[in-house]
Protein backbone atom coordinates (compact mmCIF):
# COMPACT_ATOMS: atom_id res chain seq x y z
CA MET A 1 79.11 29.94 33.26
CA CYS A 2 76.80 26.99 33.83
CA ARG A 3 75.78 25.19 37.04
CA SER A 4 75.38 21.46 36.40
CA ARG A 5 72.13 19.60 37.15
CA SER A 6 72.83 16.31 35.41
CA CYS A 7 76.18 14.94 34.39
CA ILE A 8 77.43 11.57 33.21
CA ALA A 9 80.92 10.20 32.70
CA GLY A 10 81.10 7.09 30.57
CA PHE A 11 82.82 3.93 31.80
CA VAL A 12 85.65 4.10 29.24
CA THR A 13 86.19 7.77 30.00
CA ARG A 14 86.55 7.09 33.73
CA ILE A 15 88.92 4.14 33.23
CA CYS A 16 91.14 5.85 30.64
CA THR A 17 91.38 9.03 32.71
CA ARG A 18 92.07 7.27 35.99
CA SER A 19 94.72 4.97 34.52
CA ARG A 20 96.23 7.67 32.28
CA GLY A 21 95.26 5.52 29.31
CA TRP A 22 95.12 8.62 27.13
CA HIS A 23 98.53 9.74 28.48
CA ASN A 24 97.37 13.26 29.28
CA THR A 25 95.61 13.15 32.64
CA LEU A 26 96.20 16.15 34.86
CA TYR A 27 95.27 15.56 38.49
CA PRO A 28 93.04 16.37 40.15
CA SER A 29 90.73 15.23 37.35
CA VAL A 30 87.01 14.60 37.60
CA PRO A 31 85.53 13.15 34.38
CA GLY A 32 82.14 14.50 33.48
CA HIS A 33 81.40 15.55 29.94
CA GLU A 34 77.67 15.22 29.35
CA ILE A 35 76.45 18.29 31.17
CA VAL A 36 72.98 19.77 31.51
CA GLY A 37 72.45 22.74 33.80
CA ARG A 38 71.33 26.33 34.28
CA VAL A 39 73.32 29.29 33.00
CA VAL A 40 74.29 31.35 36.05
CA ALA A 41 76.21 34.17 34.34
CA VAL A 42 77.15 35.29 30.82
CA GLY A 43 79.96 37.42 29.41
CA ASP A 44 79.50 40.74 27.61
CA LYS A 45 79.78 39.15 24.14
CA VAL A 46 77.28 36.32 24.73
CA ARG A 47 74.17 36.86 22.62
CA ASN A 48 72.16 33.62 22.66
CA PHE A 49 72.02 32.77 26.37
CA LYS A 50 71.00 34.53 29.55
CA ALA A 51 71.15 33.65 33.23
CA GLY A 52 68.50 31.05 34.03
CA ASP A 53 68.52 29.35 30.61
CA LEU A 54 68.71 25.57 30.57
CA ALA A 55 71.81 24.55 28.61
CA GLY A 56 73.81 21.51 27.57
CA VAL A 57 77.53 21.00 26.99
CA GLY A 58 79.27 18.04 25.38
CA CYS A 59 82.95 17.13 25.62
CA MET A 60 84.48 20.45 24.50
CA VAL A 61 84.33 23.96 25.92
CA ASP A 62 86.66 25.88 23.57
CA SER A 63 88.95 25.77 20.54
CA CYS A 64 91.11 28.35 18.77
CA GLY A 65 88.26 29.27 16.42
CA HIS A 66 90.69 30.42 13.72
CA CYS A 67 92.23 27.37 12.05
CA TYR A 68 90.88 25.49 9.01
CA SER A 69 89.26 22.77 11.16
CA CYS A 70 87.48 25.27 13.41
CA HIS A 71 86.17 27.21 10.39
CA ALA A 72 84.94 23.92 8.91
CA GLY A 73 82.93 23.18 12.08
CA GLU A 74 85.29 20.35 13.07
CA GLU A 75 86.68 21.83 16.27
CA GLN A 76 87.64 18.36 17.51
CA TYR A 77 90.50 18.58 15.00
CA CYS A 78 91.57 22.10 16.05
CA GLU A 79 95.17 22.62 15.03
CA SER A 80 95.91 24.32 18.36
CA GLY A 81 94.08 21.58 20.28
CA PHE A 82 90.56 21.91 21.65
CA THR A 83 89.82 22.46 25.32
CA GLY A 84 87.96 19.52 26.83
CA THR A 85 85.15 19.75 29.32
CA TYR A 86 87.41 18.07 31.86
CA ASN A 87 91.16 17.50 31.97
CA GLY A 88 91.57 20.20 29.33
CA PRO A 89 93.86 23.07 30.12
CA VAL A 90 92.29 26.26 28.81
CA PHE A 91 94.65 27.97 26.33
CA GLY A 92 97.46 29.07 28.61
CA GLY A 93 95.26 28.85 31.69
CA GLU A 94 93.84 26.51 34.30
CA ASN A 95 92.70 22.92 33.89
CA THR A 96 88.98 22.26 33.37
CA TYR A 97 87.19 20.09 35.93
CA GLY A 98 84.09 18.85 34.13
CA GLY A 99 80.41 18.66 34.84
CA TYR A 100 80.72 17.46 38.39
CA SER A 101 82.17 20.86 39.28
CA GLN A 102 79.76 23.37 40.77
CA THR A 103 80.20 25.59 37.71
CA ILE A 104 81.98 25.44 34.35
CA VAL A 105 82.92 28.19 31.90
CA VAL A 106 82.13 27.40 28.25
CA LYS A 107 82.49 29.38 25.00
CA GLU A 108 78.99 30.17 23.73
CA SER A 109 79.45 28.24 20.48
CA PHE A 110 79.89 25.01 22.47
CA VAL A 111 76.63 25.40 24.42
CA LEU A 112 73.23 24.08 23.33
CA HIS A 113 69.78 25.24 24.38
CA ILE A 114 67.87 22.47 26.19
CA LYS A 115 64.08 22.60 26.00
CA HIS A 116 63.19 19.44 27.94
CA ALA A 117 61.31 19.38 31.24
CA GLU A 118 63.38 19.27 34.44
CA LYS A 119 62.26 15.68 35.09
CA ASP A 120 63.79 14.57 31.75
CA LEU A 121 67.26 16.11 32.15
CA ALA A 122 68.98 12.81 33.00
CA SER A 123 67.77 11.49 29.64
CA VAL A 124 69.18 14.48 27.78
CA ALA A 125 72.76 14.23 29.07
CA PRO A 126 73.72 11.01 27.18
CA LEU A 127 72.78 12.66 23.88
CA LEU A 128 75.67 15.10 24.38
CA CYS A 129 78.30 12.36 23.99
CA ALA A 130 77.00 8.94 22.99
CA GLY A 131 74.24 10.59 21.00
CA ILE A 132 76.46 12.81 18.88
CA THR A 133 79.13 10.09 18.61
CA THR A 134 76.64 7.74 16.94
CA TYR A 135 74.51 10.33 15.13
CA SER A 136 77.46 11.95 13.32
CA PRO A 137 78.54 8.93 11.24
CA LEU A 138 74.93 7.90 10.58
CA ARG A 139 74.23 11.36 9.19
CA HIS A 140 77.57 11.59 7.38
CA TRP A 141 76.99 8.30 5.54
CA GLY A 142 73.36 9.08 4.72
CA ALA A 143 71.54 6.55 6.91
CA GLY A 144 67.88 6.49 6.04
CA PRO A 145 65.20 4.57 4.18
CA GLY A 146 66.68 2.14 1.67
CA GLN A 147 70.06 2.01 3.49
CA THR A 148 71.43 -0.73 5.74
CA VAL A 149 73.17 0.18 8.99
CA GLY A 150 75.21 -2.29 11.03
CA ILE A 151 75.91 -1.70 14.71
CA VAL A 152 78.49 -3.87 16.47
CA GLY A 153 77.80 -4.32 20.16
CA LEU A 154 74.90 -3.15 22.26
CA GLY A 155 76.74 -1.29 25.02
CA GLY A 156 76.68 2.41 25.86
CA LEU A 157 77.25 3.61 22.31
CA GLY A 158 75.57 0.64 20.63
CA HIS A 159 72.20 1.10 22.29
CA MET A 160 72.23 4.81 21.43
CA GLY A 161 73.20 3.95 17.84
CA VAL A 162 70.28 1.54 17.58
CA LYS A 163 67.84 4.19 18.85
CA ILE A 164 69.13 6.86 16.49
CA ALA A 165 69.36 4.49 13.50
CA HIS A 166 65.79 3.34 14.17
CA ALA A 167 64.60 6.96 14.05
CA MET A 168 66.34 7.47 10.68
CA GLU A 169 64.39 4.50 9.29
CA PRO A 170 67.10 2.48 7.56
CA ARG A 171 67.23 -1.31 7.73
CA TRP A 172 69.59 -1.99 10.61
CA CYS A 173 71.09 -4.85 12.51
CA CYS A 174 73.08 -5.30 15.69
CA SER A 175 75.83 -7.80 16.37
CA PRO A 176 77.40 -8.71 19.72
CA PRO A 177 81.03 -7.67 20.23
CA LEU A 178 83.56 -10.16 18.86
CA GLN A 179 84.73 -11.29 22.32
CA ALA A 180 81.14 -12.26 23.18
CA ARG A 181 80.94 -14.75 20.32
CA SER A 182 81.83 -18.35 21.18
CA GLN A 183 82.14 -19.43 17.55
CA PRO A 184 82.05 -17.85 14.10
CA GLN A 185 78.55 -16.83 13.10
CA ALA A 186 76.83 -15.98 9.88
CA PRO A 187 76.26 -12.27 9.30
CA TRP A 188 73.29 -11.01 11.28
CA CYS A 189 71.91 -8.81 8.52
């Protein structure tokens, strides 16, 4: 169980949840899926965390842990459906209420140790969603020296993608979203 200190809900997340854009909203629902906080209690089988540890949680708190996708480390494709940080009914149980709740229960394998200073926690939270969302494909496709990375748009994900791509040292470029362009433009790269 973790008590939240810093939590962020992205703009798209809030809009799609509020308007039922994802067609699965259970009310009451409080988006909040980039969570950093202190562990306040642990279960008997938890081995890597103790009360008082600083921890981070992304957008998932559980999955079946038994299917092919879970064994492959791709719990987001869990054949039984993963349990989200918010608006995610726990297998046969209650709905989850996200990082703006006073506490949240998370399976140990979905929790990360956070080693940053307390004053930097608000900077850590975005890495748990936008950070992993942009890092994953950059890593998967081998971004690095000698490679070219293109990033479309410089919004919430785009700015994080630029920061992460820069750290991986490829040649990179950024383009505004299509709706922001008044006329066709030559490629930016």
